[in-house]
Amino acid sequence: VVKVVLSWGEQPNPGYGLSIDRIEFTKDNEAKIYYQKHYPHPDRMYPQVIVTPTAETFVSSDYEISIHAVR
């Protein structure tokens, strides 16, 4: 089993987020991990604190892993 951790880097407030949308397993032993970025809601107030949005999942080590953004 392999732990996959995605990180967006430092962001200026907790309104930013990162999530794993789905994982597709192909016949070619590839695990395609699709992620999505979440931005702060424009009508909300957030504390000014540095955060590092992350998302993680586990995949069998039998698969070749690729990362894709959801469009």
Protein backbone atom coordinates (compact mmCIF):
# COMPACT_ATOMS: atom_id res chain seq x y z
CA VAL A 1 0.00 0.00 0.00
CA VAL A 2 1.24 3.48 -0.90
CA LYS A 3 0.10 6.64 0.87
CA VAL A 4 -0.48 9.48 -1.60
CA VAL A 5 -0.43 13.00 -0.14
CA LEU A 6 -1.33 16.04 -2.26
CA SER A 7 -0.45 19.52 -1.04
CA TRP A 8 -1.33 22.97 -2.40
CA GLY A 9 1.40 24.81 -0.49
CA GLU A 10 0.91 27.70 1.91
CA GLN A 11 -2.31 29.69 1.58
CA PRO A 12 -3.33 32.88 3.43
CA ASN A 13 -6.50 31.58 5.15
CA PRO A 14 -8.49 28.40 5.91
CA GLY A 15 -10.98 29.11 3.11
CA TYR A 16 -8.66 27.26 0.72
CA GLY A 17 -8.97 23.50 0.48
CA LEU A 18 -7.96 20.46 -1.51
CA SER A 19 -9.93 17.24 -2.01
CA ILE A 20 -9.63 14.01 -3.93
CA ASP A 21 -12.58 13.81 -6.30
CA ARG A 22 -12.16 10.21 -7.46
CA ILE A 23 -9.70 7.45 -8.30
CA GLU A 24 -10.00 5.54 -11.57
CA PHE A 25 -8.29 2.17 -11.92
CA THR A 26 -7.42 1.20 -15.50
CA LYS A 27 -6.69 -2.13 -17.14
CA ASP A 28 -3.04 -1.05 -17.51
CA ASN A 29 -2.54 -1.10 -13.72
CA GLU A 30 -2.76 2.69 -13.48
CA ALA A 31 -4.50 4.56 -10.67
CA LYS A 32 -5.59 7.99 -11.90
CA ILE A 33 -6.15 10.27 -8.92
CA TYR A 34 -8.33 13.31 -9.65
CA TYR A 35 -8.17 16.26 -7.24
CA GLN A 36 -10.02 19.53 -6.90
CA LYS A 37 -8.97 22.88 -5.42
CA HIS A 38 -11.47 24.83 -3.31
CA TYR A 39 -11.28 28.62 -3.01
CA PRO A 40 -12.64 30.85 -0.23
CA HIS A 41 -16.28 31.88 -0.46
CA PRO A 42 -16.30 35.58 -1.45
CA ASP A 43 -18.99 36.58 1.09
CA ARG A 44 -17.34 35.02 4.15
CA MET A 45 -14.66 36.29 6.48
CA TYR A 46 -11.69 34.09 7.33
CA PRO A 47 -8.95 34.55 9.94
CA GLN A 48 -5.60 35.56 8.52
CA VAL A 49 -3.63 32.42 9.29
CA ILE A 50 -1.27 30.46 7.05
CA VAL A 51 -2.65 27.01 6.15
CA THR A 52 -1.38 24.21 3.93
CA PRO A 53 -4.34 22.42 2.28
CA THR A 54 -3.67 18.70 1.86
CA ALA A 55 -5.57 15.60 0.78
CA GLU A 56 -4.46 12.02 1.15
CA THR A 57 -5.46 8.53 0.10
CA PHE A 58 -4.04 5.02 -0.06
CA VAL A 59 -3.48 2.99 -3.23
CA SER A 60 -2.14 -0.52 -3.73
CA SER A 61 1.53 -0.59 -4.67
CA ASP A 62 0.57 -2.74 -7.69
CA TYR A 63 -0.62 0.43 -9.48
CA GLU A 64 1.28 3.18 -11.29
CA ILE A 65 -0.08 6.49 -9.93
CA SER A 66 -0.90 9.61 -11.95
CA ILE A 67 -2.36 12.88 -10.67
CA HIS A 68 -4.97 14.93 -12.58
CA ALA A 69 -6.87 18.15 -11.86
CA VAL A 70 -10.68 18.08 -12.19
CA ARG A 71 -11.81 20.55 -14.80
